[in-house]
Amino acid sequence: MRPTILTDVPLDSDAWVEEIFGPVVCVRPFETEHEAVRLANDSRFGLAAAVMSKDNARAERVAAALRAGIVWINCSQPTFTEAPWGGYKQSGIGRELGRWGLDNYLETKQITKLVSEEPWGWYIK
């Protein structure tokens, strides 16, 4: 498929509500930062997002408000094996890469040992 930019896409259309893994972007104007964040978060998916702005404080504020597992600021798609990869909501399960990915293959166990001559137990009389 050729790279495609879709504009004026209805909010209930498949192009707007589904995850499209291809060179397709839906563009929609907004009036306020709050509206932009609301529109972006109004999805059952949340794999990745990107914020483009010359205002660093605004970019960081919007990035923090977006419900996505990966948020890029003033770039798109860099991936580092040391950093976690995975989405929110229905975009992926768990995290891949880095120590977060390794944790998915491990089972955690707690083992506690009493080292005392006195018996343990507040419940023992």
PDB file of N, CA and C in Angstrom:
ATOM      1  N   MET A   1       0.837  -1.170   0.000  1.00  0.00           N
ATOM      2  CA  MET A   1       0.000   0.000   0.000  1.00  0.00           C
ATOM      3  C   MET A   1       0.885   1.237   0.000  1.00  0.00           C
ATOM      4  N   ARG A   2       0.503   2.229  -0.754  1.00  0.00           N
ATOM      5  CA  ARG A   2       1.246   3.477  -0.783  1.00  0.00           C
ATOM      6  C   ARG A   2       0.959   4.284   0.484  1.00  0.00           C
ATOM      7  N   PRO A   3       1.908   5.089   0.943  1.00  0.00           N
ATOM      8  CA  PRO A   3       1.646   5.948   2.101  1.00  0.00           C
ATOM      9  C   PRO A   3       0.386   6.782   1.867  1.00  0.00           C
ATOM     10  N   THR A   4      -0.487   6.796   2.887  1.00  0.00           N
ATOM     11  CA  THR A   4      -1.799   7.430   2.745  1.00  0.00           C
ATOM     12  C   THR A   4      -2.086   8.330   3.934  1.00  0.00           C
ATOM     13  N   ILE A   5      -2.586   9.525   3.665  1.00  0.00           N
ATOM     14  CA  ILE A   5      -3.032  10.451   4.700  1.00  0.00           C
ATOM     15  C   ILE A   5      -4.535  10.609   4.543  1.00  0.00           C
ATOM     16  N   LEU A   6      -5.278  10.284   5.604  1.00  0.00           N
ATOM     17  CA  LEU A   6      -6.735  10.405   5.584  1.00  0.00           C
ATOM     18  C   LEU A   6      -7.138  11.601   6.440  1.00  0.00           C
ATOM     19  N   THR A   7      -8.005  12.453   5.894  1.00  0.00           N
ATOM     20  CA  THR A   7      -8.498  13.616   6.632  1.00  0.00           C
ATOM     21  C   THR A   7     -10.017  13.544   6.722  1.00  0.00           C
ATOM     22  N   ASP A   8     -10.574  14.275   7.655  1.00  0.00           N
ATOM     23  CA  ASP A   8     -12.032  14.322   7.858  1.00  0.00           C
ATOM     24  C   ASP A   8     -12.625  12.932   8.017  1.00  0.00           C
ATOM     25  N   VAL A   9     -11.910  12.062   8.712  1.00  0.00           N
ATOM     26  CA  VAL A   9     -12.371  10.687   8.937  1.00  0.00           C
ATOM     27  C   VAL A   9     -13.391  10.698  10.073  1.00  0.00           C
ATOM     28  N   PRO A  10     -14.577  10.133   9.876  1.00  0.00           N
ATOM     29  CA  PRO A  10     -15.556  10.076  10.973  1.00  0.00           C
ATOM     30  C   PRO A  10     -14.984   9.319  12.177  1.00  0.00           C
ATOM     31  N   LEU A  11     -15.302   9.776  13.373  1.00  0.00           N
ATOM     32  CA  LEU A  11     -14.767   9.172  14.589  1.00  0.00           C
ATOM     33  C   LEU A  11     -15.217   7.730  14.803  1.00  0.00           C
ATOM     34  N   ASP A  12     -16.264   7.289  14.099  1.00  0.00           N
ATOM     35  CA  ASP A  12     -16.729   5.904  14.248  1.00  0.00           C
ATOM     36  C   ASP A  12     -16.305   5.025  13.067  1.00  0.00           C
ATOM     37  N   SER A  13     -15.482   5.540  12.170  1.00  0.00           N
ATOM     38  CA  SER A  13     -15.061   4.753  11.006  1.00  0.00           C
ATOM     39  C   SER A  13     -13.951   3.774  11.400  1.00  0.00           C
ATOM     40  N   ASP A  14     -13.830   2.677  10.663  1.00  0.00           N
ATOM     41  CA  ASP A  14     -12.782   1.697  10.921  1.00  0.00           C
ATOM     42  C   ASP A  14     -11.397   2.329  10.854  1.00  0.00           C
ATOM     43  N   ALA A  15     -11.206   3.236   9.919  1.00  0.00           N
ATOM     44  CA  ALA A  15      -9.893   3.872   9.778  1.00  0.00           C
ATOM     45  C   ALA A  15      -9.507   4.625  11.042  1.00  0.00           C
ATOM     46  N   TRP A  16     -10.486   5.185  11.753  1.00  0.00           N
ATOM     47  CA  TRP A  16     -10.191   5.947  12.966  1.00  0.00           C
ATOM     48  C   TRP A  16     -10.075   5.044  14.194  1.00  0.00           C
ATOM     49  N   VAL A  17     -10.890   4.009  14.307  1.00  0.00           N
ATOM     50  CA  VAL A  17     -10.953   3.234  15.553  1.00  0.00           C
ATOM     51  C   VAL A  17     -10.103   1.968  15.559  1.00  0.00           C
ATOM     52  N   GLU A  18      -9.605   1.520  14.425  1.00  0.00           N
ATOM     53  CA  GLU A  18      -8.798   0.297  14.384  1.00  0.00           C
ATOM     54  C   GLU A  18      -7.311   0.628  14.318  1.00  0.00           C
ATOM     55  N   GLU A  19      -6.482  -0.315  14.767  1.00  0.00           N
ATOM     56  CA  GLU A  19      -5.038  -0.171  14.610  1.00  0.00           C
ATOM     57  C   GLU A  19      -4.687  -0.540  13.174  1.00  0.00           C
ATOM     58  N   ILE A  20      -4.116   0.381  12.463  1.00  0.00           N
ATOM     59  CA  ILE A  20      -3.719   0.123  11.077  1.00  0.00           C
ATOM     60  C   ILE A  20      -2.204  -0.039  11.051  1.00  0.00           C
ATOM     61  N   PHE A  21      -1.741  -1.234  10.726  1.00  0.00           N
ATOM     62  CA  PHE A  21      -0.308  -1.477  10.638  1.00  0.00           C
ATOM     63  C   PHE A  21       0.101  -1.326   9.177  1.00  0.00           C
ATOM     64  N   GLY A  22       0.329  -0.113   8.783  1.00  0.00           N
ATOM     65  CA  GLY A  22       0.692   0.205   7.416  1.00  0.00           C
ATOM     66  C   GLY A  22       0.997   1.683   7.325  1.00  0.00           C
ATOM     67  N   PRO A  23       1.371   2.146   6.171  1.00  0.00           N
ATOM     68  CA  PRO A  23       1.729   3.558   6.008  1.00  0.00           C
ATOM     69  C   PRO A  23       0.487   4.439   5.865  1.00  0.00           C
ATOM     70  N   VAL A  24      -0.340   4.457   6.929  1.00  0.00           N
ATOM     71  CA  VAL A  24      -1.601   5.209   6.904  1.00  0.00           C
ATOM     72  C   VAL A  24      -1.677   6.050   8.173  1.00  0.00           C
ATOM     73  N   VAL A  25      -2.084   7.296   8.022  1.00  0.00           N
ATOM     74  CA  VAL A  25      -2.302   8.162   9.174  1.00  0.00           C
ATOM     75  C   VAL A  25      -3.629   8.894   8.985  1.00  0.00           C
ATOM     76  N   CYS A  26      -4.378   9.006  10.070  1.00  0.00           N
ATOM     77  CA  CYS A  26      -5.609   9.795  10.077  1.00  0.00           C
ATOM     78  C   CYS A  26      -5.284  11.126  10.761  1.00  0.00           C
ATOM     79  N   VAL A  27      -5.619  12.214  10.110  1.00  0.00           N
ATOM     80  CA  VAL A  27      -5.321  13.547  10.624  1.00  0.00           C
ATOM     81  C   VAL A  27      -6.631  14.251  10.932  1.00  0.00           C
ATOM     82  N   ARG A  28      -6.685  14.884  12.112  1.00  0.00           N
ATOM     83  CA  ARG A  28      -7.900  15.589  12.521  1.00  0.00           C
ATOM     84  C   ARG A  28      -7.484  16.874  13.238  1.00  0.00           C
ATOM     85  N   PRO A  29      -8.071  17.990  12.852  1.00  0.00           N
ATOM     86  CA  PRO A  29      -7.744  19.248  13.549  1.00  0.00           C
ATOM     87  C   PRO A  29      -8.346  19.250  14.956  1.00  0.00           C
ATOM     88  N   PHE A  30      -7.773  20.070  15.837  1.00  0.00           N
ATOM     89  CA  PHE A  30      -8.294  20.212  17.195  1.00  0.00           C
ATOM     90  C   PHE A  30      -8.101  21.656  17.619  1.00  0.00           C
ATOM     91  N   GLU A  31      -8.878  22.075  18.599  1.00  0.00           N
ATOM     92  CA  GLU A  31      -8.819  23.464  19.072  1.00  0.00           C
ATOM     93  C   GLU A  31      -7.909  23.615  20.287  1.00  0.00           C
ATOM     94  N   THR A  32      -7.931  22.628  21.188  1.00  0.00           N
ATOM     95  CA  THR A  32      -7.179  22.757  22.432  1.00  0.00           C
ATOM     96  C   THR A  32      -6.325  21.514  22.673  1.00  0.00           C
ATOM     97  N   GLU A  33      -5.341  21.679  23.520  1.00  0.00           N
ATOM     98  CA  GLU A  33      -4.507  20.545  23.927  1.00  0.00           C
ATOM     99  C   GLU A  33      -5.363  19.455  24.569  1.00  0.00           C
ATOM    100  N   HIS A  34      -6.281  19.861  25.418  1.00  0.00           N
ATOM    101  CA  HIS A  34      -7.173  18.907  26.083  1.00  0.00           C
ATOM    102  C   HIS A  34      -7.960  18.090  25.056  1.00  0.00           C
ATOM    103  N   GLU A  35      -8.478  18.748  24.039  1.00  0.00           N
ATOM    104  CA  GLU A  35      -9.236  18.040  22.998  1.00  0.00           C
ATOM    105  C   GLU A  35      -8.336  17.060  22.245  1.00  0.00           C
ATOM    106  N   ALA A  36      -7.115  17.453  21.950  1.00  0.00           N
ATOM    107  CA  ALA A  36      -6.183  16.572  21.236  1.00  0.00           C
ATOM    108  C   ALA A  36      -5.900  15.307  22.054  1.00  0.00           C
ATOM    109  N   VAL A  37      -5.653  15.472  23.341  1.00  0.00           N
ATOM    110  CA  VAL A  37      -5.389  14.325  24.214  1.00  0.00           C
ATOM    111  C   VAL A  37      -6.628  13.446  24.317  1.00  0.00           C
ATOM    112  N   ARG A  38      -7.804  14.070  24.461  1.00  0.00           N
ATOM    113  CA  ARG A  38      -9.051  13.296  24.547  1.00  0.00           C
ATOM    114  C   ARG A  38      -9.265  12.465  23.286  1.00  0.00           C
ATOM    115  N   LEU A  39      -9.076  13.063  22.126  1.00  0.00           N
ATOM    116  CA  LEU A  39      -9.249  12.342  20.859  1.00  0.00           C
ATOM    117  C   LEU A  39      -8.243  11.200  20.739  1.00  0.00           C
ATOM    118  N   ALA A  40      -7.008  11.463  21.112  1.00  0.00           N
ATOM    119  CA  ALA A  40      -5.973  10.430  21.006  1.00  0.00           C
ATOM    120  C   ALA A  40      -6.233   9.270  21.961  1.00  0.00           C
ATOM    121  N   ASN A  41      -6.712   9.562  23.156  1.00  0.00           N
ATOM    122  CA  ASN A  41      -6.940   8.518  24.154  1.00  0.00           C
ATOM    123  C   ASN A  41      -8.270   7.791  23.976  1.00  0.00           C
ATOM    124  N   ASP A  42      -9.152   8.308  23.155  1.00  0.00           N
ATOM    125  CA  ASP A  42     -10.467   7.700  22.951  1.00  0.00           C
ATOM    126  C   ASP A  42     -10.341   6.524  21.988  1.00  0.00           C
ATOM    127  N   SER A  43      -9.681   5.488  22.463  1.00  0.00           N
ATOM    128  CA  SER A  43      -9.413   4.306  21.654  1.00  0.00           C
ATOM    129  C   SER A  43      -9.252   3.107  22.574  1.00  0.00           C
ATOM    130  N   ARG A  44      -9.584   1.945  22.066  1.00  0.00           N
ATOM    131  CA  ARG A  44      -9.353   0.741  22.859  1.00  0.00           C
ATOM    132  C   ARG A  44      -7.914   0.256  22.701  1.00  0.00           C
ATOM    133  N   PHE A  45      -7.132   0.956  21.891  1.00  0.00           N
ATOM    134  CA  PHE A  45      -5.731   0.607  21.666  1.00  0.00           C
ATOM    135  C   PHE A  45      -4.829   1.668  22.266  1.00  0.00           C
ATOM    136  N   GLY A  46      -3.571   1.337  22.421  1.00  0.00           N
ATOM    137  CA  GLY A  46      -2.614   2.294  22.951  1.00  0.00           C
ATOM    138  C   GLY A  46      -1.187   1.797  22.812  1.00  0.00           C
ATOM    139  N   LEU A  47      -0.804   1.402  21.606  1.00  0.00           N
ATOM    140  CA  LEU A  47       0.563   0.908  21.420  1.00  0.00           C
ATOM    141  C   LEU A  47       1.558   2.063  21.436  1.00  0.00           C
ATOM    142  N   ALA A  48       1.407   3.000  20.519  1.00  0.00           N
ATOM    143  CA  ALA A  48       2.403   4.065  20.394  1.00  0.00           C
ATOM    144  C   ALA A  48       1.748   5.378  20.008  1.00  0.00           C
ATOM    145  N   ALA A  49       2.448   6.463  20.323  1.00  0.00           N
ATOM    146  CA  ALA A  49       1.977   7.802  19.977  1.00  0.00           C
ATOM    147  C   ALA A  49       3.201   8.673  19.757  1.00  0.00           C
ATOM    148  N   ALA A  50       2.996   9.781  19.082  1.00  0.00           N
ATOM    149  CA  ALA A  50       4.073  10.746  18.876  1.00  0.00           C
ATOM    150  C   ALA A  50       3.526  12.150  19.069  1.00  0.00           C
ATOM    151  N   VAL A  51       4.330  12.999  19.681  1.00  0.00           N
ATOM    152  CA  VAL A  51       3.980  14.393  19.911  1.00  0.00           C
ATOM    153  C   VAL A  51       5.038  15.238  19.218  1.00  0.00           C
ATOM    154  N   MET A  52       4.589  16.151  18.372  1.00  0.00           N
ATOM    155  CA  MET A  52       5.502  17.050  17.675  1.00  0.00           C
ATOM    156  C   MET A  52       5.214  18.475  18.134  1.00  0.00           C
ATOM    157  N   SER A  53       6.215  19.135  18.724  1.00  0.00           N
ATOM    158  CA  SER A  53       6.023  20.503  19.201  1.00  0.00           C
ATOM    159  C   SER A  53       7.368  21.172  19.446  1.00  0.00           C
ATOM    160  N   LYS A  54       7.425  22.473  19.213  1.00  0.00           N
ATOM    161  CA  LYS A  54       8.612  23.246  19.580  1.00  0.00           C
ATOM    162  C   LYS A  54       8.586  23.617  21.056  1.00  0.00           C
ATOM    163  N   ASP A  55       7.421  23.471  21.694  1.00  0.00           N
ATOM    164  CA  ASP A  55       7.236  23.796  23.110  1.00  0.00           C
ATOM    165  C   ASP A  55       7.514  22.526  23.921  1.00  0.00           C
ATOM    166  N   ASN A  56       8.718  22.429  24.489  1.00  0.00           N
ATOM    167  CA  ASN A  56       9.111  21.207  25.205  1.00  0.00           C
ATOM    168  C   ASN A  56       8.226  20.902  26.402  1.00  0.00           C
ATOM    169  N   ALA A  57       7.836  21.914  27.152  1.00  0.00           N
ATOM    170  CA  ALA A  57       6.975  21.689  28.317  1.00  0.00           C
ATOM    171  C   ALA A  57       5.635  21.108  27.871  1.00  0.00           C
ATOM    172  N   ARG A  58       5.072  21.656  26.809  1.00  0.00           N
ATOM    173  CA  ARG A  58       3.798  21.142  26.289  1.00  0.00           C
ATOM    174  C   ARG A  58       3.973  19.714  25.781  1.00  0.00           C
ATOM    175  N   ALA A  59       5.034  19.452  25.044  1.00  0.00           N
ATOM    176  CA  ALA A  59       5.262  18.113  24.496  1.00  0.00           C
ATOM    177  C   ALA A  59       5.364  17.081  25.618  1.00  0.00           C
ATOM    178  N   GLU A  60       6.082  17.407  26.670  1.00  0.00           N
ATOM    179  CA  GLU A  60       6.216  16.469  27.794  1.00  0.00           C
ATOM    180  C   GLU A  60       4.895  16.305  28.537  1.00  0.00           C
ATOM    181  N   ARG A  61       4.134  17.370  28.684  1.00  0.00           N
ATOM    182  CA  ARG A  61       2.823  17.305  29.350  1.00  0.00           C
ATOM    183  C   ARG A  61       1.866  16.424  28.552  1.00  0.00           C
ATOM    184  N   VAL A  62       1.816  16.612  27.239  1.00  0.00           N
ATOM    185  CA  VAL A  62       0.941  15.805  26.388  1.00  0.00           C
ATOM    186  C   VAL A  62       1.416  14.354  26.377  1.00  0.00           C
ATOM    187  N   ALA A  63       2.712  14.133  26.269  1.00  0.00           N
ATOM    188  CA  ALA A  63       3.238  12.765  26.276  1.00  0.00           C
ATOM    189  C   ALA A  63       2.839  12.030  27.553  1.00  0.00           C
ATOM    190  N   ALA A  64       2.913  12.706  28.682  1.00  0.00           N
ATOM    191  CA  ALA A  64       2.531  12.083  29.956  1.00  0.00           C
ATOM    192  C   ALA A  64       1.037  11.772  30.000  1.00  0.00           C
ATOM    193  N   ALA A  65       0.221  12.569  29.320  1.00  0.00           N
ATOM    194  CA  ALA A  65      -1.238  12.381  29.348  1.00  0.00           C
ATOM    195  C   ALA A  65      -1.718  11.309  28.372  1.00  0.00           C
ATOM    196  N   LEU A  66      -0.912  10.967  27.388  1.00  0.00           N
ATOM    197  CA  LEU A  66      -1.341   9.975  26.399  1.00  0.00           C
ATOM    198  C   LEU A  66      -1.287   8.565  26.982  1.00  0.00           C
ATOM    199  N   ARG A  67      -2.335   7.794  26.738  1.00  0.00           N
ATOM    200  CA  ARG A  67      -2.427   6.413  27.233  1.00  0.00           C
ATOM    201  C   ARG A  67      -1.868   5.468  26.173  1.00  0.00           C
ATOM    202  N   ALA A  68      -0.547   5.446  26.075  1.00  0.00           N
ATOM    203  CA  ALA A  68       0.142   4.592  25.115  1.00  0.00           C
ATOM    204  C   ALA A  68       1.403   4.049  25.772  1.00  0.00           C
ATOM    205  N   GLY A  69       1.801   2.865  25.377  1.00  0.00           N
ATOM    206  CA  GLY A  69       2.974   2.230  25.963  1.00  0.00           C
ATOM    207  C   GLY A  69       4.278   2.872  25.540  1.00  0.00           C
ATOM    208  N   ILE A  70       4.298   3.485  24.385  1.00  0.00           N
ATOM    209  CA  ILE A  70       5.475   4.175  23.874  1.00  0.00           C
ATOM    210  C   ILE A  70       5.021   5.534  23.369  1.00  0.00           C
ATOM    211  N   VAL A  71       5.682   6.594  23.798  1.00  0.00           N
ATOM    212  CA  VAL A  71       5.373   7.928  23.284  1.00  0.00           C
ATOM    213  C   VAL A  71       6.692   8.575  22.863  1.00  0.00           C
ATOM    214  N   TRP A  72       6.755   8.981  21.609  1.00  0.00           N
ATOM    215  CA  TRP A  72       7.926   9.675  21.085  1.00  0.00           C
ATOM    216  C   TRP A  72       7.647  11.167  21.070  1.00  0.00           C
ATOM    217  N   ILE A  73       8.659  11.964  21.376  1.00  0.00           N
ATOM    218  CA  ILE A  73       8.558  13.418  21.303  1.00  0.00           C
ATOM    219  C   ILE A  73       9.498  13.899  20.198  1.00  0.00           C
ATOM    220  N   ASN A  74       8.919  14.585  19.236  1.00  0.00           N
ATOM    221  CA  ASN A  74       9.649  15.155  18.102  1.00  0.00           C
ATOM    222  C   ASN A  74      10.440  14.127  17.301  1.00  0.00           C
ATOM    223  N   CYS A  75       9.965  12.903  17.309  1.00  0.00           N
ATOM    224  CA  CYS A  75      10.545  11.842  16.489  1.00  0.00           C
ATOM    225  C   CYS A  75       9.485  10.742  16.408  1.00  0.00           C
ATOM    226  N   SER A  76       9.782   9.725  15.646  1.00  0.00           N
ATOM    227  CA  SER A  76       8.840   8.625  15.547  1.00  0.00           C
ATOM    228  C   SER A  76       9.584   7.346  15.196  1.00  0.00           C
ATOM    229  N   GLN A  77       9.349   6.337  15.950  1.00  0.00           N
ATOM    230  CA  GLN A  77       9.806   4.976  15.697  1.00  0.00           C
ATOM    231  C   GLN A  77      11.171   4.562  16.226  1.00  0.00           C
ATOM    232  N   PRO A  78      11.992   5.399  16.873  1.00  0.00           N
ATOM    233  CA  PRO A  78      13.232   4.822  17.380  1.00  0.00           C
ATOM    234  C   PRO A  78      12.915   3.785  18.453  1.00  0.00           C
ATOM    235  N   THR A  79      13.607   2.681  18.405  1.00  0.00           N
ATOM    236  CA  THR A  79      13.379   1.590  19.349  1.00  0.00           C
ATOM    237  C   THR A  79      14.729   1.154  19.903  1.00  0.00           C
ATOM    238  N   PHE A  80      14.795   0.961  21.178  1.00  0.00           N
ATOM    239  CA  PHE A  80      16.038   0.578  21.836  1.00  0.00           C
ATOM    240  C   PHE A  80      15.810  -0.718  22.607  1.00  0.00           C
ATOM    241  N   THR A  81      16.699  -1.680  22.433  1.00  0.00           N
ATOM    242  CA  THR A  81      16.514  -2.980  23.081  1.00  0.00           C
ATOM    243  C   THR A  81      16.575  -2.877  24.595  1.00  0.00           C
ATOM    244  N   GLU A  82      17.157  -1.804  25.122  1.00  0.00           N
ATOM    245  CA  GLU A  82      17.251  -1.644  26.574  1.00  0.00           C
ATOM    246  C   GLU A  82      15.966  -1.095  27.183  1.00  0.00           C
ATOM    247  N   ALA A  83      15.070  -0.575  26.363  1.00  0.00           N
ATOM    248  CA  ALA A  83      13.849   0.072  26.857  1.00  0.00           C
ATOM    249  C   ALA A  83      12.648  -0.844  26.644  1.00  0.00           C
ATOM    250  N   PRO A  84      11.624  -0.724  27.483  1.00  0.00           N
ATOM    251  CA  PRO A  84      10.450  -1.592  27.335  1.00  0.00           C
ATOM    252  C   PRO A  84       9.667  -1.287  26.064  1.00  0.00           C
ATOM    253  N   TRP A  85       9.093  -2.316  25.479  1.00  0.00           N
ATOM    254  CA  TRP A  85       8.250  -2.170  24.286  1.00  0.00           C
ATOM    255  C   TRP A  85       6.940  -2.881  24.573  1.00  0.00           C
ATOM    256  N   GLY A  86       5.838  -2.206  24.413  1.00  0.00           N
ATOM    257  CA  GLY A  86       4.528  -2.802  24.602  1.00  0.00           C
ATOM    258  C   GLY A  86       3.488  -1.722  24.794  1.00  0.00           C
ATOM    259  N   GLY A  87       2.231  -2.087  24.599  1.00  0.00           N
ATOM    260  CA  GLY A  87       1.176  -1.096  24.604  1.00  0.00           C
ATOM    261  C   GLY A  87       0.298  -1.124  25.831  1.00  0.00           C
ATOM    262  N   TYR A  88      -0.661  -0.220  25.847  1.00  0.00           N
ATOM    263  CA  TYR A  88      -1.708  -0.145  26.863  1.00  0.00           C
ATOM    264  C   TYR A  88      -2.990  -0.724  26.257  1.00  0.00           C
ATOM    265  N   LYS A  89      -3.946  -0.936  27.111  1.00  0.00           N
ATOM    266  CA  LYS A  89      -5.286  -1.369  26.702  1.00  0.00           C
ATOM    267  C   LYS A  89      -5.192  -2.648  25.868  1.00  0.00           C
ATOM    268  N   GLN A  90      -5.764  -2.677  24.665  1.00  0.00           N
ATOM    269  CA  GLN A  90      -5.771  -3.893  23.854  1.00  0.00           C
ATOM    270  C   GLN A  90      -4.609  -3.948  22.860  1.00  0.00           C
ATOM    271  N   SER A  91      -3.575  -3.172  23.098  1.00  0.00           N
ATOM    272  CA  SER A  91      -2.389  -3.194  22.244  1.00  0.00           C
ATOM    273  C   SER A  91      -1.275  -3.953  22.957  1.00  0.00           C
ATOM    274  N   GLY A  92      -1.219  -5.219  22.714  1.00  0.00           N
ATOM    275  CA  GLY A  92      -0.148  -6.014  23.296  1.00  0.00           C
ATOM    276  C   GLY A  92      -0.438  -6.475  24.702  1.00  0.00           C
ATOM    277  N   ILE A  93       0.350  -7.444  25.108  1.00  0.00           N
ATOM    278  CA  ILE A  93       0.232  -8.012  26.453  1.00  0.00           C
ATOM    279  C   ILE A  93       1.618  -7.971  27.074  1.00  0.00           C
ATOM    280  N   GLY A  94       1.760  -7.307  28.189  1.00  0.00           N
ATOM    281  CA  GLY A  94       3.050  -7.249  28.856  1.00  0.00           C
ATOM    282  C   GLY A  94       4.036  -6.363  28.128  1.00  0.00           C
ATOM    283  N   ARG A  95       5.308  -6.583  28.400  1.00  0.00           N
ATOM    284  CA  ARG A  95       6.385  -5.798  27.808  1.00  0.00           C
ATOM    285  C   ARG A  95       7.433  -6.727  27.221  1.00  0.00           C
ATOM    286  N   GLU A  96       8.032  -6.273  26.140  1.00  0.00           N
ATOM    287  CA  GLU A  96       9.154  -6.956  25.527  1.00  0.00           C
ATOM    288  C   GLU A  96      10.377  -6.054  25.691  1.00  0.00           C
ATOM    289  N   LEU A  97      11.547  -6.612  25.510  1.00  0.00           N
ATOM    290  CA  LEU A  97      12.826  -5.915  25.537  1.00  0.00           C
ATOM    291  C   LEU A  97      13.216  -5.483  26.952  1.00  0.00           C
ATOM    292  N   GLY A  98      14.507  -5.263  27.137  1.00  0.00           N
ATOM    293  CA  GLY A  98      15.040  -4.825  28.421  1.00  0.00           C
ATOM    294  C   GLY A  98      14.707  -5.778  29.548  1.00  0.00           C
ATOM    295  N   ARG A  99      14.906  -5.318  30.769  1.00  0.00           N
ATOM    296  CA  ARG A  99      14.617  -6.174  31.938  1.00  0.00           C
ATOM    297  C   ARG A  99      13.130  -6.473  32.054  1.00  0.00           C
ATOM    298  N   TRP A 100      12.282  -5.572  31.509  1.00  0.00           N
ATOM    299  CA  TRP A 100      10.831  -5.779  31.563  1.00  0.00           C
ATOM    300  C   TRP A 100      10.445  -6.997  30.735  1.00  0.00           C
ATOM    301  N   GLY A 101      11.063  -7.184  29.591  1.00  0.00           N
ATOM    302  CA  GLY A 101      10.806  -8.344  28.752  1.00  0.00           C
ATOM    303  C   GLY A 101      11.302  -9.615  29.409  1.00  0.00           C
ATOM    304  N   LEU A 102      12.475  -9.550  30.028  1.00  0.00           N
ATOM    305  CA  LEU A 102      13.012 -10.722  30.723  1.00  0.00           C
ATOM    306  C   LEU A 102      12.078 -11.154  31.847  1.00  0.00           C
ATOM    307  N   ASP A 103      11.504 -10.188  32.563  1.00  0.00           N
ATOM    308  CA  ASP A 103      10.587 -10.508  33.663  1.00  0.00           C
ATOM    309  C   ASP A 103       9.412 -11.377  33.208  1.00  0.00           C
ATOM    310  N   ASN A 104       9.007 -11.279  31.946  1.00  0.00           N
ATOM    311  CA  ASN A 104       7.906 -12.096  31.432  1.00  0.00           C
ATOM    312  C   ASN A 104       8.242 -13.579  31.399  1.00  0.00           C
ATOM    313  N   TYR A 105       9.540 -13.895  31.416  1.00  0.00           N
ATOM    314  CA  TYR A 105       9.962 -15.295  31.359  1.00  0.00           C
ATOM    315  C   TYR A 105      10.332 -15.851  32.721  1.00  0.00           C
ATOM    316  N   LEU A 106      10.207 -15.050  33.759  1.00  0.00           N
ATOM    317  CA  LEU A 106      10.606 -15.461  35.096  1.00  0.00           C
ATOM    318  C   LEU A 106       9.387 -15.647  35.989  1.00  0.00           C
ATOM    319  N   GLU A 107       9.539 -16.490  36.978  1.00  0.00           N
ATOM    320  CA  GLU A 107       8.514 -16.631  38.002  1.00  0.00           C
ATOM    321  C   GLU A 107       9.109 -16.143  39.316  1.00  0.00           C
ATOM    322  N   THR A 108       8.367 -15.307  39.998  1.00  0.00           N
ATOM    323  CA  THR A 108       8.842 -14.734  41.245  1.00  0.00           C
ATOM    324  C   THR A 108       8.338 -15.577  42.406  1.00  0.00           C
ATOM    325  N   LYS A 109       9.219 -15.818  43.349  1.00  0.00           N
ATOM    326  CA  LYS A 109       8.849 -16.597  44.530  1.00  0.00           C
ATOM    327  C   LYS A 109       9.442 -15.930  45.760  1.00  0.00           C
ATOM    328  N   GLN A 110       8.690 -15.880  46.829  1.00  0.00           N
ATOM    329  CA  GLN A 110       9.203 -15.405  48.104  1.00  0.00           C
ATOM    330  C   GLN A 110       9.462 -16.610  48.984  1.00  0.00           C
ATOM    331  N   ILE A 111      10.643 -16.657  49.620  1.00  0.00           N
ATOM    332  CA  ILE A 111      10.955 -17.700  50.603  1.00  0.00           C
ATOM    333  C   ILE A 111      11.384 -16.975  51.868  1.00  0.00           C
ATOM    334  N   THR A 112      10.711 -17.275  52.967  1.00  0.00           N
ATOM    335  CA  THR A 112      11.007 -16.645  54.240  1.00  0.00           C
ATOM    336  C   THR A 112      11.424 -17.734  55.219  1.00  0.00           C
ATOM    337  N   LYS A 113      12.513 -17.503  55.918  1.00  0.00           N
ATOM    338  CA  LYS A 113      13.015 -18.490  56.889  1.00  0.00           C
ATOM    339  C   LYS A 113      13.143 -17.810  58.238  1.00  0.00           C
ATOM    340  N   LEU A 114      12.590 -18.418  59.268  1.00  0.00           N
ATOM    341  CA  LEU A 114      12.716 -17.913  60.627  1.00  0.00           C
ATOM    342  C   LEU A 114      14.050 -18.393  61.186  1.00  0.00           C
ATOM    343  N   VAL A 115      14.837 -17.476  61.672  1.00  0.00           N
ATOM    344  CA  VAL A 115      16.109 -17.812  62.317  1.00  0.00           C
ATOM    345  C   VAL A 115      16.004 -17.302  63.746  1.00  0.00           C
ATOM    346  N   SER A 116      15.544 -18.193  64.654  1.00  0.00           N
ATOM    347  CA  SER A 116      15.329 -17.822  66.049  1.00  0.00           C
ATOM    348  C   SER A 116      15.151 -19.078  66.875  1.00  0.00           C
ATOM    349  N   GLU A 117      15.540 -18.984  68.144  1.00  0.00           N
ATOM    350  CA  GLU A 117      15.299 -20.089  69.074  1.00  0.00           C
ATOM    351  C   GLU A 117      13.867 -20.058  69.586  1.00  0.00           C
ATOM    352  N   GLU A 118      13.221 -18.903  69.460  1.00  0.00           N
ATOM    353  CA  GLU A 118      11.845 -18.748  69.927  1.00  0.00           C
ATOM    354  C   GLU A 118      10.880 -19.185  68.835  1.00  0.00           C
ATOM    355  N   PRO A 119       9.791 -19.841  69.216  1.00  0.00           N
ATOM    356  CA  PRO A 119       8.794 -20.232  68.210  1.00  0.00           C
ATOM    357  C   PRO A 119       8.119 -18.983  67.635  1.00  0.00           C
ATOM    358  N   TRP A 120       7.740 -19.081  66.385  1.00  0.00           N
ATOM    359  CA  TRP A 120       7.067 -17.975  65.700  1.00  0.00           C
ATOM    360  C   TRP A 120       5.576 -18.137  65.859  1.00  0.00           C
ATOM    361  N   GLY A 121       4.906 -17.047  65.977  1.00  0.00           N
ATOM    362  CA  GLY A 121       3.452 -17.131  65.919  1.00  0.00           C
ATOM    363  C   GLY A 121       2.792 -16.326  66.995  1.00  0.00           C
ATOM    364  N   TRP A 122       2.234 -15.219  66.649  1.00  0.00           N
ATOM    365  CA  TRP A 122       1.455 -14.424  67.580  1.00  0.00           C
ATOM    366  C   TRP A 122       0.209 -15.160  67.996  1.00  0.00           C
ATOM    367  N   TYR A 123      -0.160 -16.172  67.200  1.00  0.00           N
ATOM    368  CA  TYR A 123      -1.368 -16.930  67.443  1.00  0.00           C
ATOM    369  C   TYR A 123      -1.127 -18.115  68.389  1.00  0.00           C
ATOM    370  N   ILE A 124       0.142 -18.391  68.725  1.00  0.00           N
ATOM    371  CA  ILE A 124       0.450 -19.512  69.615  1.00  0.00           C
ATOM    372  C   ILE A 124       0.476 -19.001  71.049  1.00  0.00           C
ATOM    373  N   LYS A 125      -0.234 -19.692  71.941  1.00  0.00           N
ATOM    374  CA  LYS A 125      -0.279 -19.288  73.354  1.00  0.00           C
ATOM    375  C   LYS A 125       0.659 -20.122  74.167  1.00  0.00           C
TER     376      LYS A 125
END
